Amino acid sequence: MTAPAAFRDGIRRVNGAPMVVAGMFALTLFVALPLSYALRGMIAAHLGQSLAAEAAAAGTNSDWWQEFSAQAWGLGTTFVPSIVGFGAVLDNLSGFLDNTELATTIAGVTAAWLVLWSFLSGGVLDRFARGRPTRSHGFFAACGIHFWRFLRVGAVAWLAYAFLFQYVHGWVFTTVVEMLTANVAAERAAFAYRVGGYLVFGLLLVLCNLVFDYARVRIVVEDRRSALGALLAGARFVARHAGAAVGLYALNAVAFLLLVSIYAAIAPGAPQSGLSMWLVLGLGEAYILGRHYLKLLFYASETAFFQGALAHAAYTAAPAVEWPDSPAAETIANADSAAVS
């Protein structure tokens, strides 16, 4: 299977599972709500019954926002103007590439989300691999079967990414890039060196991402029980199909860049009042929904590519889980069997 064919098949599989997309969006909303409520309390406590509270309720109050940011701590430090519109995308991307340390609260919630996703991703990959509805009992049965295997893969992934961000990132940007730009007078050349550093570091991240993704795919499709064996098998698969695997990754990356470009073109700035505030919120949520769709497309297209490359045209893992009959139904069935015998 070629990369474009796998990409198209991935779109078909995601479009055929709208409840998976909606469930992932709902999960993110569920995890974010406690933080939103806590931040709301901090803002309300700072505003009190002042005139600034009325101005903030009516629209964006830049003077108050700067005052709040100056005294904020913990979770409150994340409530900055860059969270509005396309600025949030740039802020997240800059923080990721520059290895900016997350606030403790955000880091904790992110870790909780990753654990939840480790549990649910087994059911998600199972649904995409089968290409048909598995219903709630089949979905959550697959989640439970693969959770501990995915958790072990996730532990190895955490070690790998921690090494990359803790040591490799510092070596690339603090040692190599600074050494190359130490005697450079032209800003354009210094910028080019830094972009080169981002490309090198990004390629290492992509390589790790591919290996861990296909390890998870192989665990589900082939019902592998060994996390280490799945990681080695994922690495072998990426090595044997490097061109197509990287090409498929690039197609997914282009789809993400297209979504970001559309959002950048239509996202408004800071809302003033009334309808514009709801418009900013609605467009932001639509962008997040699109991000979830593309994340699932990554998994679906990689699953389709793996199944096509290794001739897994039909799903070959454990059989579909069937929900047992009720005790009453079993009693009737047993009575019929006894009567026939």
C-alpha atoms as a PDB file:
ATOM      1  CA  MET A   1       0.000   0.000   0.000  1.00  0.00           C
ATOM      2  CA  THR A   2       1.286   3.457  -0.919  1.00  0.00           C
ATOM      3  CA  ALA A   3       1.298   6.404   1.456  1.00  0.00           C
ATOM      4  CA  PRO A   4      -1.495   8.303  -0.388  1.00  0.00           C
ATOM      5  CA  ALA A   5      -3.666   5.166  -0.444  1.00  0.00           C
ATOM      6  CA  ALA A   6      -3.134   4.641   3.296  1.00  0.00           C
ATOM      7  CA  PHE A   7      -3.949   8.293   3.929  1.00  0.00           C
ATOM      8  CA  ARG A   8      -7.222   8.018   2.003  1.00  0.00           C
ATOM      9  CA  ASP A   9      -8.074   4.778   3.794  1.00  0.00           C
ATOM     10  CA  GLY A  10      -7.349   6.487   7.121  1.00  0.00           C
ATOM     11  CA  ILE A  11      -9.791   9.284   6.265  1.00  0.00           C
ATOM     12  CA  ARG A  12     -12.435   6.684   5.442  1.00  0.00           C
ATOM     13  CA  ARG A  13     -11.896   4.877   8.731  1.00  0.00           C
ATOM     14  CA  VAL A  14     -12.046   8.051  10.846  1.00  0.00           C
ATOM     15  CA  ASN A  15     -15.139   9.284   9.009  1.00  0.00           C
ATOM     16  CA  GLY A  16     -16.736   5.922   9.730  1.00  0.00           C
ATOM     17  CA  ALA A  17     -16.163   6.365  13.489  1.00  0.00           C
ATOM     18  CA  PRO A  18     -17.721   9.730  14.428  1.00  0.00           C
ATOM     19  CA  MET A  19     -18.313   8.617  18.019  1.00  0.00           C
ATOM     20  CA  VAL A  20     -14.577   8.056  18.472  1.00  0.00           C
ATOM     21  CA  VAL A  21     -13.887  11.632  17.354  1.00  0.00           C
ATOM     22  CA  ALA A  22     -16.632  12.991  19.615  1.00  0.00           C
ATOM     23  CA  GLY A  23     -15.436  10.872  22.530  1.00  0.00           C
ATOM     24  CA  MET A  24     -11.857  12.117  22.228  1.00  0.00           C
ATOM     25  CA  PHE A  25     -13.061  15.715  22.159  1.00  0.00           C
ATOM     26  CA  ALA A  26     -15.267  15.056  25.210  1.00  0.00           C
ATOM     27  CA  LEU A  27     -12.318  13.490  27.058  1.00  0.00           C
ATOM     28  CA  THR A  28     -10.188  16.589  26.520  1.00  0.00           C
ATOM     29  CA  LEU A  29     -13.044  18.821  27.642  1.00  0.00           C
ATOM     30  CA  PHE A  30     -13.570  16.665  30.738  1.00  0.00           C
ATOM     31  CA  VAL A  31      -9.887  16.895  31.689  1.00  0.00           C
ATOM     32  CA  ALA A  32      -9.753  20.660  31.067  1.00  0.00           C
ATOM     33  CA  LEU A  33     -12.908  21.594  32.996  1.00  0.00           C
ATOM     34  CA  PRO A  34     -11.378  21.372  36.512  1.00  0.00           C
ATOM     35  CA  LEU A  35      -8.554  23.693  35.431  1.00  0.00           C
ATOM     36  CA  SER A  36     -11.052  26.111  33.898  1.00  0.00           C
ATOM     37  CA  TYR A  37     -13.086  26.151  37.102  1.00  0.00           C
ATOM     38  CA  ALA A  38      -9.976  26.764  39.232  1.00  0.00           C
ATOM     39  CA  LEU A  39      -8.826  29.587  36.953  1.00  0.00           C
ATOM     40  CA  ARG A  40     -12.304  31.095  37.067  1.00  0.00           C
ATOM     41  CA  GLY A  41     -12.045  31.213  40.862  1.00  0.00           C
ATOM     42  CA  MET A  42      -8.684  32.979  40.718  1.00  0.00           C
ATOM     43  CA  ILE A  43     -10.014  35.580  38.264  1.00  0.00           C
ATOM     44  CA  ALA A  44     -13.168  36.149  40.319  1.00  0.00           C
ATOM     45  CA  ALA A  45     -11.131  36.588  43.494  1.00  0.00           C
ATOM     46  CA  HIS A  46      -8.891  39.158  41.841  1.00  0.00           C
ATOM     47  CA  LEU A  47     -11.736  41.132  40.285  1.00  0.00           C
ATOM     48  CA  GLY A  48     -14.065  41.114  43.276  1.00  0.00           C
ATOM     49  CA  GLN A  49     -16.845  43.708  43.012  1.00  0.00           C
ATOM     50  CA  SER A  50     -14.683  46.364  41.336  1.00  0.00           C
ATOM     51  CA  LEU A  51     -15.399  48.423  38.246  1.00  0.00           C
ATOM     52  CA  ALA A  52     -12.770  46.346  36.479  1.00  0.00           C
ATOM     53  CA  ALA A  53     -15.039  43.332  36.961  1.00  0.00           C
ATOM     54  CA  GLU A  54     -17.816  45.050  35.027  1.00  0.00           C
ATOM     55  CA  ALA A  55     -15.400  46.059  32.278  1.00  0.00           C
ATOM     56  CA  ALA A  56     -13.978  42.518  32.053  1.00  0.00           C
ATOM     57  CA  ALA A  57     -17.485  41.052  31.864  1.00  0.00           C
ATOM     58  CA  ALA A  58     -18.359  43.422  29.015  1.00  0.00           C
ATOM     59  CA  GLY A  59     -15.239  42.677  26.943  1.00  0.00           C
ATOM     60  CA  THR A  60     -11.449  42.476  26.907  1.00  0.00           C
ATOM     61  CA  ASN A  61      -9.817  44.731  29.500  1.00  0.00           C
ATOM     62  CA  SER A  62      -6.127  44.899  28.589  1.00  0.00           C
ATOM     63  CA  ASP A  63      -5.102  46.992  31.619  1.00  0.00           C
ATOM     64  CA  TRP A  64      -6.675  44.591  34.078  1.00  0.00           C
ATOM     65  CA  TRP A  65      -5.239  41.576  32.196  1.00  0.00           C
ATOM     66  CA  GLN A  66      -1.708  42.928  32.553  1.00  0.00           C
ATOM     67  CA  GLU A  67      -2.300  43.613  36.242  1.00  0.00           C
ATOM     68  CA  PHE A  68      -3.598  40.091  36.787  1.00  0.00           C
ATOM     69  CA  SER A  69      -0.648  38.524  34.905  1.00  0.00           C
ATOM     70  CA  ALA A  70       1.849  40.507  36.993  1.00  0.00           C
ATOM     71  CA  GLN A  71       0.620  39.036  40.280  1.00  0.00           C
ATOM     72  CA  ALA A  72      -0.466  35.580  39.037  1.00  0.00           C
ATOM     73  CA  TRP A  73       1.104  32.354  40.289  1.00  0.00           C
ATOM     74  CA  GLY A  74       0.734  28.670  39.437  1.00  0.00           C
ATOM     75  CA  LEU A  75      -2.165  28.051  37.093  1.00  0.00           C
ATOM     76  CA  GLY A  76      -2.837  31.785  36.823  1.00  0.00           C
ATOM     77  CA  THR A  77       0.434  32.321  34.925  1.00  0.00           C
ATOM     78  CA  THR A  78      -1.106  30.487  31.946  1.00  0.00           C
ATOM     79  CA  PHE A  79      -3.856  33.115  31.594  1.00  0.00           C
ATOM     80  CA  VAL A  80      -2.008  35.406  29.197  1.00  0.00           C
ATOM     81  CA  PRO A  81      -3.108  37.273  26.042  1.00  0.00           C
ATOM     82  CA  SER A  82      -1.387  34.688  23.843  1.00  0.00           C
ATOM     83  CA  ILE A  83      -4.080  32.119  24.681  1.00  0.00           C
ATOM     84  CA  VAL A  84      -6.553  33.985  22.451  1.00  0.00           C
ATOM     85  CA  GLY A  85      -6.944  32.987  18.800  1.00  0.00           C
ATOM     86  CA  PHE A  86      -3.962  31.922  16.716  1.00  0.00           C
ATOM     87  CA  GLY A  87      -1.588  33.198  19.395  1.00  0.00           C
ATOM     88  CA  ALA A  88      -2.305  30.036  21.400  1.00  0.00           C
ATOM     89  CA  VAL A  89      -1.076  27.857  18.520  1.00  0.00           C
ATOM     90  CA  LEU A  90       2.161  29.827  18.187  1.00  0.00           C
ATOM     91  CA  ASP A  91       2.690  29.877  21.954  1.00  0.00           C
ATOM     92  CA  ASN A  92       2.281  26.087  22.222  1.00  0.00           C
ATOM     93  CA  LEU A  93       4.549  25.460  19.232  1.00  0.00           C
ATOM     94  CA  SER A  94       7.232  27.806  20.589  1.00  0.00           C
ATOM     95  CA  GLY A  95       7.072  26.213  24.027  1.00  0.00           C
ATOM     96  CA  PHE A  96       7.376  22.722  22.516  1.00  0.00           C
ATOM     97  CA  LEU A  97      10.329  23.512  20.239  1.00  0.00           C
ATOM     98  CA  ASP A  98      12.176  25.519  22.897  1.00  0.00           C
ATOM     99  CA  ASN A  99      11.495  22.936  25.638  1.00  0.00           C
ATOM    100  CA  THR A 100       9.757  25.456  27.897  1.00  0.00           C
ATOM    101  CA  GLU A 101       8.928  24.020  31.307  1.00  0.00           C
ATOM    102  CA  LEU A 102       5.207  23.578  31.954  1.00  0.00           C
ATOM    103  CA  ALA A 103       3.461  24.879  35.049  1.00  0.00           C
ATOM    104  CA  THR A 104       3.172  22.123  37.667  1.00  0.00           C
ATOM    105  CA  THR A 105      -0.602  22.018  37.447  1.00  0.00           C
ATOM    106  CA  ILE A 106      -0.569  21.816  33.655  1.00  0.00           C
ATOM    107  CA  ALA A 107       2.097  19.113  33.712  1.00  0.00           C
ATOM    108  CA  GLY A 108       0.037  17.050  36.160  1.00  0.00           C
ATOM    109  CA  VAL A 109      -3.138  17.307  34.098  1.00  0.00           C
ATOM    110  CA  THR A 110      -1.190  16.510  30.928  1.00  0.00           C
ATOM    111  CA  ALA A 111       0.165  13.357  32.588  1.00  0.00           C
ATOM    112  CA  ALA A 112      -3.373  12.363  33.617  1.00  0.00           C
ATOM    113  CA  TRP A 113      -4.592  12.898  30.060  1.00  0.00           C
ATOM    114  CA  LEU A 114      -1.770  10.732  28.702  1.00  0.00           C
ATOM    115  CA  VAL A 115      -2.701   7.886  31.058  1.00  0.00           C
ATOM    116  CA  LEU A 116      -6.345   8.129  30.004  1.00  0.00           C
ATOM    117  CA  TRP A 117      -5.309   8.195  26.356  1.00  0.00           C
ATOM    118  CA  SER A 118      -3.095   5.122  26.917  1.00  0.00           C
ATOM    119  CA  PHE A 119      -6.193   3.318  28.130  1.00  0.00           C
ATOM    120  CA  LEU A 120      -8.522   4.483  25.356  1.00  0.00           C
ATOM    121  CA  SER A 121      -6.063   4.251  22.457  1.00  0.00           C
ATOM    122  CA  GLY A 122      -6.219   0.444  22.535  1.00  0.00           C
ATOM    123  CA  GLY A 123      -9.931   0.595  21.774  1.00  0.00           C
ATOM    124  CA  VAL A 124      -9.391   3.338  19.190  1.00  0.00           C
ATOM    125  CA  LEU A 125      -6.757   1.362  17.270  1.00  0.00           C
ATOM    126  CA  ASP A 126      -8.873  -1.792  17.541  1.00  0.00           C
ATOM    127  CA  ARG A 127     -11.836   0.094  16.048  1.00  0.00           C
ATOM    128  CA  PHE A 128      -9.758   1.425  13.165  1.00  0.00           C
ATOM    129  CA  ALA A 129      -8.105  -1.950  12.530  1.00  0.00           C
ATOM    130  CA  ARG A 130     -11.421  -3.769  12.331  1.00  0.00           C
ATOM    131  CA  GLY A 131     -12.991  -1.073  10.168  1.00  0.00           C
ATOM    132  CA  ARG A 132     -16.417  -1.657  11.692  1.00  0.00           C
ATOM    133  CA  PRO A 133     -18.302  -0.612  14.839  1.00  0.00           C
ATOM    134  CA  THR A 134     -17.233  -2.589  17.909  1.00  0.00           C
ATOM    135  CA  ARG A 135     -19.895  -1.125  20.238  1.00  0.00           C
ATOM    136  CA  SER A 136     -19.118  -0.052  23.765  1.00  0.00           C
ATOM    137  CA  HIS A 137     -18.458  -3.517  25.170  1.00  0.00           C
ATOM    138  CA  GLY A 138     -16.008  -4.430  22.391  1.00  0.00           C
ATOM    139  CA  PHE A 139     -14.333  -1.025  22.540  1.00  0.00           C
ATOM    140  CA  PHE A 140     -13.702  -1.050  26.293  1.00  0.00           C
ATOM    141  CA  ALA A 141     -12.730  -4.720  26.253  1.00  0.00           C
ATOM    142  CA  ALA A 142      -9.970  -3.831  23.778  1.00  0.00           C
ATOM    143  CA  CYS A 143      -8.997  -0.878  25.985  1.00  0.00           C
ATOM    144  CA  GLY A 144      -8.546  -3.188  28.972  1.00  0.00           C
ATOM    145  CA  ILE A 145      -6.667  -5.855  27.021  1.00  0.00           C
ATOM    146  CA  HIS A 146      -4.076  -3.481  25.605  1.00  0.00           C
ATOM    147  CA  PHE A 147      -3.779  -0.942  28.434  1.00  0.00           C
ATOM    148  CA  TRP A 148      -0.886  -2.530  30.344  1.00  0.00           C
ATOM    149  CA  ARG A 149       0.991  -3.262  27.120  1.00  0.00           C
ATOM    150  CA  PHE A 150       0.575   0.349  26.015  1.00  0.00           C
ATOM    151  CA  LEU A 151       1.597   1.561  29.459  1.00  0.00           C
ATOM    152  CA  ARG A 152       4.900  -0.319  29.153  1.00  0.00           C
ATOM    153  CA  VAL A 153       5.461   1.117  25.683  1.00  0.00           C
ATOM    154  CA  GLY A 154       4.598   4.545  27.096  1.00  0.00           C
ATOM    155  CA  ALA A 155       7.221   4.143  29.840  1.00  0.00           C
ATOM    156  CA  VAL A 156       9.909   3.473  27.223  1.00  0.00           C
ATOM    157  CA  ALA A 157       8.609   6.374  25.137  1.00  0.00           C
ATOM    158  CA  TRP A 158       8.800   8.676  28.174  1.00  0.00           C
ATOM    159  CA  LEU A 159      12.433   7.711  28.727  1.00  0.00           C
ATOM    160  CA  ALA A 160      13.257   8.315  25.068  1.00  0.00           C
ATOM    161  CA  TYR A 161      11.539  11.704  24.887  1.00  0.00           C
ATOM    162  CA  ALA A 162      12.988  12.737  28.254  1.00  0.00           C
ATOM    163  CA  PHE A 163      16.475  11.954  26.935  1.00  0.00           C
ATOM    164  CA  LEU A 164      15.811  13.915  23.746  1.00  0.00           C
ATOM    165  CA  PHE A 165      14.467  17.014  25.490  1.00  0.00           C
ATOM    166  CA  GLN A 166      16.787  16.906  28.498  1.00  0.00           C
ATOM    167  CA  TYR A 167      20.090  16.180  26.785  1.00  0.00           C
ATOM    168  CA  VAL A 168      19.858  16.209  22.991  1.00  0.00           C
ATOM    169  CA  HIS A 169      17.862  19.462  22.864  1.00  0.00           C
ATOM    170  CA  GLY A 170      20.393  21.201  25.078  1.00  0.00           C
ATOM    171  CA  TRP A 171      23.326  19.838  23.087  1.00  0.00           C
ATOM    172  CA  VAL A 172      21.828  20.941  19.737  1.00  0.00           C
ATOM    173  CA  PHE A 173      20.764  24.441  20.755  1.00  0.00           C
ATOM    174  CA  THR A 174      23.017  25.326  23.696  1.00  0.00           C
ATOM    175  CA  THR A 175      26.235  23.817  22.362  1.00  0.00           C
ATOM    176  CA  VAL A 176      26.125  23.382  18.590  1.00  0.00           C
ATOM    177  CA  VAL A 177      23.876  26.270  17.491  1.00  0.00           C
ATOM    178  CA  GLU A 178      25.481  28.752  19.897  1.00  0.00           C
ATOM    179  CA  MET A 179      28.945  27.687  18.745  1.00  0.00           C
ATOM    180  CA  LEU A 180      27.991  28.159  15.097  1.00  0.00           C
ATOM    181  CA  THR A 181      26.381  31.555  15.704  1.00  0.00           C
ATOM    182  CA  ALA A 182      28.997  32.942  18.120  1.00  0.00           C
ATOM    183  CA  ASN A 183      30.849  34.919  15.464  1.00  0.00           C
ATOM    184  CA  VAL A 184      28.013  35.388  12.983  1.00  0.00           C
ATOM    185  CA  ALA A 185      27.087  39.026  12.377  1.00  0.00           C
ATOM    186  CA  ALA A 186      24.155  38.515  10.001  1.00  0.00           C
ATOM    187  CA  GLU A 187      20.843  37.734  11.715  1.00  0.00           C
ATOM    188  CA  ARG A 188      19.726  35.789   8.642  1.00  0.00           C
ATOM    189  CA  ALA A 189      22.589  33.324   9.019  1.00  0.00           C
ATOM    190  CA  ALA A 190      21.988  32.926  12.758  1.00  0.00           C
ATOM    191  CA  PHE A 191      18.306  32.284  12.059  1.00  0.00           C
ATOM    192  CA  ALA A 192      19.223  29.684   9.415  1.00  0.00           C
ATOM    193  CA  TYR A 193      21.453  27.831  11.897  1.00  0.00           C
ATOM    194  CA  ARG A 194      18.638  27.777  14.458  1.00  0.00           C
ATOM    195  CA  VAL A 195      16.166  26.497  11.875  1.00  0.00           C
ATOM    196  CA  GLY A 196      18.685  23.780  11.035  1.00  0.00           C
ATOM    197  CA  GLY A 197      18.780  22.840  14.713  1.00  0.00           C
ATOM    198  CA  TYR A 198      14.989  22.593  14.767  1.00  0.00           C
ATOM    199  CA  LEU A 199      15.088  20.332  11.689  1.00  0.00           C
ATOM    200  CA  VAL A 200      17.661  17.970  13.215  1.00  0.00           C
ATOM    201  CA  PHE A 201      15.794  17.769  16.509  1.00  0.00           C
ATOM    202  CA  GLY A 202      12.470  17.415  14.685  1.00  0.00           C
ATOM    203  CA  LEU A 203      13.747  14.483  12.622  1.00  0.00           C
ATOM    204  CA  LEU A 204      14.792  12.668  15.799  1.00  0.00           C
ATOM    205  CA  LEU A 205      11.310  13.251  17.255  1.00  0.00           C
ATOM    206  CA  VAL A 206       9.672  11.972  14.061  1.00  0.00           C
ATOM    207  CA  LEU A 207      11.810   8.818  14.113  1.00  0.00           C
ATOM    208  CA  CYS A 208      10.861   8.085  17.732  1.00  0.00           C
ATOM    209  CA  ASN A 209       7.234   8.881  17.018  1.00  0.00           C
ATOM    210  CA  LEU A 210       7.123   6.459  14.088  1.00  0.00           C
ATOM    211  CA  VAL A 211       8.675   3.594  16.057  1.00  0.00           C
ATOM    212  CA  PHE A 212       6.348   4.019  19.033  1.00  0.00           C
ATOM    213  CA  ASP A 213       3.266   4.461  16.838  1.00  0.00           C
ATOM    214  CA  TYR A 214       3.895   1.294  14.835  1.00  0.00           C
ATOM    215  CA  ALA A 215       4.745  -0.589  18.027  1.00  0.00           C
ATOM    216  CA  ARG A 216       1.238   0.228  19.302  1.00  0.00           C
ATOM    217  CA  VAL A 217      -0.275  -0.716  15.948  1.00  0.00           C
ATOM    218  CA  ARG A 218       1.497  -4.075  15.987  1.00  0.00           C
ATOM    219  CA  ILE A 219       0.363  -4.755  19.556  1.00  0.00           C
ATOM    220  CA  VAL A 220      -3.261  -4.334  18.514  1.00  0.00           C
ATOM    221  CA  VAL A 221      -3.276  -5.828  15.020  1.00  0.00           C
ATOM    222  CA  GLU A 222      -1.105  -8.843  15.876  1.00  0.00           C
ATOM    223  CA  ASP A 223      -2.203  -9.170  19.517  1.00  0.00           C
ATOM    224  CA  ARG A 224       1.389  -8.903  20.745  1.00  0.00           C
ATOM    225  CA  ARG A 225       1.863  -9.236  24.494  1.00  0.00           C
ATOM    226  CA  SER A 226       5.502  -8.154  24.762  1.00  0.00           C
ATOM    227  CA  ALA A 227       6.031  -4.388  24.730  1.00  0.00           C
ATOM    228  CA  LEU A 228       9.752  -4.823  24.007  1.00  0.00           C
ATOM    229  CA  GLY A 229       9.012  -7.226  21.166  1.00  0.00           C
ATOM    230  CA  ALA A 230       6.478  -4.772  19.729  1.00  0.00           C
ATOM    231  CA  LEU A 231       9.024  -1.928  19.902  1.00  0.00           C
ATOM    232  CA  LEU A 232      11.630  -3.987  18.060  1.00  0.00           C
ATOM    233  CA  ALA A 233       9.028  -5.066  15.515  1.00  0.00           C
ATOM    234  CA  GLY A 234       7.910  -1.457  15.070  1.00  0.00           C
ATOM    235  CA  ALA A 235      11.509  -0.364  14.474  1.00  0.00           C
ATOM    236  CA  ARG A 236      12.021  -3.148  11.915  1.00  0.00           C
ATOM    237  CA  PHE A 237       8.825  -2.173  10.108  1.00  0.00           C
ATOM    238  CA  VAL A 238       9.862   1.487   9.913  1.00  0.00           C
ATOM    239  CA  ALA A 239      13.333   0.486   8.655  1.00  0.00           C
ATOM    240  CA  ARG A 240      11.921  -1.782   5.932  1.00  0.00           C
ATOM    241  CA  HIS A 241       9.274   0.723   4.801  1.00  0.00           C
ATOM    242  CA  ALA A 242      11.102   3.956   5.612  1.00  0.00           C
ATOM    243  CA  GLY A 243      10.144   5.849   2.451  1.00  0.00           C
ATOM    244  CA  ALA A 244       6.430   5.124   2.587  1.00  0.00           C
ATOM    245  CA  ALA A 245       6.240   5.489   6.383  1.00  0.00           C
ATOM    246  CA  VAL A 246       7.924   8.909   6.281  1.00  0.00           C
ATOM    247  CA  GLY A 247       5.788   9.882   3.281  1.00  0.00           C
ATOM    248  CA  LEU A 248       2.604   9.012   5.179  1.00  0.00           C
ATOM    249  CA  TYR A 249       3.844  10.974   8.181  1.00  0.00           C
ATOM    250  CA  ALA A 250       4.520  13.923   5.879  1.00  0.00           C
ATOM    251  CA  LEU A 251       0.979  13.759   4.456  1.00  0.00           C
ATOM    252  CA  ASN A 252      -0.441  13.890   7.974  1.00  0.00           C
ATOM    253  CA  ALA A 253       1.893  16.785   8.804  1.00  0.00           C
ATOM    254  CA  VAL A 254       0.713  18.682   5.702  1.00  0.00           C
ATOM    255  CA  ALA A 255      -2.894  18.142   6.787  1.00  0.00           C
ATOM    256  CA  PHE A 256      -2.019  19.630  10.180  1.00  0.00           C
ATOM    257  CA  LEU A 257      -0.286  22.620   8.570  1.00  0.00           C
ATOM    258  CA  LEU A 258      -3.346  23.166   6.375  1.00  0.00           C
ATOM    259  CA  LEU A 259      -5.599  23.203   9.451  1.00  0.00           C
ATOM    260  CA  VAL A 260      -3.262  25.646  11.208  1.00  0.00           C
ATOM    261  CA  SER A 261      -3.167  27.890   8.125  1.00  0.00           C
ATOM    262  CA  ILE A 262      -6.964  27.993   7.901  1.00  0.00           C
ATOM    263  CA  TYR A 263      -7.242  28.791  11.595  1.00  0.00           C
ATOM    264  CA  ALA A 264      -4.604  31.515  11.270  1.00  0.00           C
ATOM    265  CA  ALA A 265      -6.559  33.074   8.397  1.00  0.00           C
ATOM    266  CA  ILE A 266      -9.950  33.152  10.127  1.00  0.00           C
ATOM    267  CA  ALA A 267      -9.109  33.380  13.839  1.00  0.00           C
ATOM    268  CA  PRO A 268      -9.941  36.849  15.201  1.00  0.00           C
ATOM    269  CA  GLY A 269      -7.855  38.721  17.741  1.00  0.00           C
ATOM    270  CA  ALA A 270      -8.873  39.559  21.279  1.00  0.00           C
ATOM    271  CA  PRO A 271     -12.687  39.747  21.502  1.00  0.00           C
ATOM    272  CA  GLN A 272     -14.277  43.032  22.427  1.00  0.00           C
ATOM    273  CA  SER A 273     -17.767  42.138  23.604  1.00  0.00           C
ATOM    274  CA  GLY A 274     -20.938  40.233  22.892  1.00  0.00           C
ATOM    275  CA  LEU A 275     -21.012  38.042  19.799  1.00  0.00           C
ATOM    276  CA  SER A 276     -17.289  38.373  19.080  1.00  0.00           C
ATOM    277  CA  MET A 277     -16.476  36.641  22.384  1.00  0.00           C
ATOM    278  CA  TRP A 278     -18.627  33.650  21.436  1.00  0.00           C
ATOM    279  CA  LEU A 279     -17.098  33.650  17.945  1.00  0.00           C
ATOM    280  CA  VAL A 280     -13.569  33.407  19.358  1.00  0.00           C
ATOM    281  CA  LEU A 281     -14.648  30.578  21.666  1.00  0.00           C
ATOM    282  CA  GLY A 282     -16.481  28.702  18.908  1.00  0.00           C
ATOM    283  CA  LEU A 283     -13.609  28.929  16.427  1.00  0.00           C
ATOM    284  CA  GLY A 284     -11.156  27.818  19.090  1.00  0.00           C
ATOM    285  CA  GLU A 285     -13.243  24.742  19.917  1.00  0.00           C
ATOM    286  CA  ALA A 286     -13.634  23.961  16.197  1.00  0.00           C
ATOM    287  CA  TYR A 287      -9.843  24.082  15.842  1.00  0.00           C
ATOM    288  CA  ILE A 288      -9.409  21.727  18.805  1.00  0.00           C
ATOM    289  CA  LEU A 289     -11.960  19.341  17.263  1.00  0.00           C
ATOM    290  CA  GLY A 290      -9.987  19.462  14.014  1.00  0.00           C
ATOM    291  CA  ARG A 291      -6.787  18.690  15.912  1.00  0.00           C
ATOM    292  CA  HIS A 292      -8.432  15.616  17.430  1.00  0.00           C
ATOM    293  CA  TYR A 293      -9.632  14.486  14.012  1.00  0.00           C
ATOM    294  CA  LEU A 294      -6.106  14.751  12.611  1.00  0.00           C
ATOM    295  CA  LYS A 295      -4.600  12.913  15.589  1.00  0.00           C
ATOM    296  CA  LEU A 296      -7.002  10.051  14.978  1.00  0.00           C
ATOM    297  CA  LEU A 297      -6.183  10.243  11.256  1.00  0.00           C
ATOM    298  CA  PHE A 298      -2.527   9.668  12.157  1.00  0.00           C
ATOM    299  CA  TYR A 299      -3.472   6.434  13.931  1.00  0.00           C
ATOM    300  CA  ALA A 300      -5.998   5.291  11.330  1.00  0.00           C
ATOM    301  CA  SER A 301      -3.713   5.879   8.341  1.00  0.00           C
ATOM    302  CA  GLU A 302      -0.756   4.200  10.052  1.00  0.00           C
ATOM    303  CA  THR A 303      -2.957   1.215  10.904  1.00  0.00           C
ATOM    304  CA  ALA A 304      -4.199   1.022   7.309  1.00  0.00           C
ATOM    305  CA  PHE A 305      -0.633   1.262   5.985  1.00  0.00           C
ATOM    306  CA  PHE A 306       0.632  -1.472   8.300  1.00  0.00           C
ATOM    307  CA  GLN A 307      -2.226  -3.819   7.457  1.00  0.00           C
ATOM    308  CA  GLY A 308      -1.734  -3.207   3.741  1.00  0.00           C
ATOM    309  CA  ALA A 309       2.058  -3.546   3.854  1.00  0.00           C
ATOM    310  CA  LEU A 310       1.993  -6.868   5.691  1.00  0.00           C
ATOM    311  CA  ALA A 311      -1.088  -8.192   3.877  1.00  0.00           C
ATOM    312  CA  HIS A 312      -3.284  -7.981   6.952  1.00  0.00           C
ATOM    313  CA  ALA A 313      -6.254  -7.281   4.709  1.00  0.00           C
ATOM    314  CA  ALA A 314      -8.517  -8.826   7.323  1.00  0.00           C
ATOM    315  CA  TYR A 315      -8.071  -8.142  10.994  1.00  0.00           C
ATOM    316  CA  THR A 316      -5.976 -10.970  12.465  1.00  0.00           C
ATOM    317  CA  ALA A 317      -5.869 -10.318  16.207  1.00  0.00           C
ATOM    318  CA  ALA A 318      -8.150 -11.725  18.883  1.00  0.00           C
ATOM    319  CA  PRO A 319     -11.776 -12.356  17.830  1.00  0.00           C
ATOM    320  CA  ALA A 320     -14.466  -9.795  18.459  1.00  0.00           C
ATOM    321  CA  VAL A 321     -15.651  -9.674  22.041  1.00  0.00           C
ATOM    322  CA  GLU A 322     -19.305 -10.653  22.390  1.00  0.00           C
ATOM    323  CA  TRP A 323     -21.321  -9.381  25.307  1.00  0.00           C
ATOM    324  CA  PRO A 324     -22.616 -12.362  27.329  1.00  0.00           C
ATOM    325  CA  ASP A 325     -26.284 -13.114  27.529  1.00  0.00           C
ATOM    326  CA  SER A 326     -28.166 -12.189  30.677  1.00  0.00           C
ATOM    327  CA  PRO A 327     -28.599 -14.879  33.380  1.00  0.00           C
ATOM    328  CA  ALA A 328     -32.244 -15.200  32.373  1.00  0.00           C
ATOM    329  CA  ALA A 329     -31.328 -15.806  28.738  1.00  0.00           C
ATOM    330  CA  GLU A 330     -28.752 -18.409  29.744  1.00  0.00           C
ATOM    331  CA  THR A 331     -31.310 -20.164  31.942  1.00  0.00           C
ATOM    332  CA  ILE A 332     -33.752 -20.396  29.025  1.00  0.00           C
ATOM    333  CA  ALA A 333     -31.018 -21.626  26.664  1.00  0.00           C
ATOM    334  CA  ASN A 334     -29.881 -24.265  29.173  1.00  0.00           C
ATOM    335  CA  ALA A 335     -33.450 -25.411  29.708  1.00  0.00           C
ATOM    336  CA  ASP A 336     -33.936 -25.805  25.942  1.00  0.00           C
ATOM    337  CA  SER A 337     -30.684 -27.795  25.688  1.00  0.00           C
ATOM    338  CA  ALA A 338     -31.754 -30.055  28.576  1.00  0.00           C
ATOM    339  CA  ALA A 339     -35.165 -30.654  26.968  1.00  0.00           C
ATOM    340  CA  VAL A 340     -33.596 -31.605  23.620  1.00  0.00           C
ATOM    341  CA  SER A 341     -31.134 -34.004  25.238  1.00  0.00           C
END
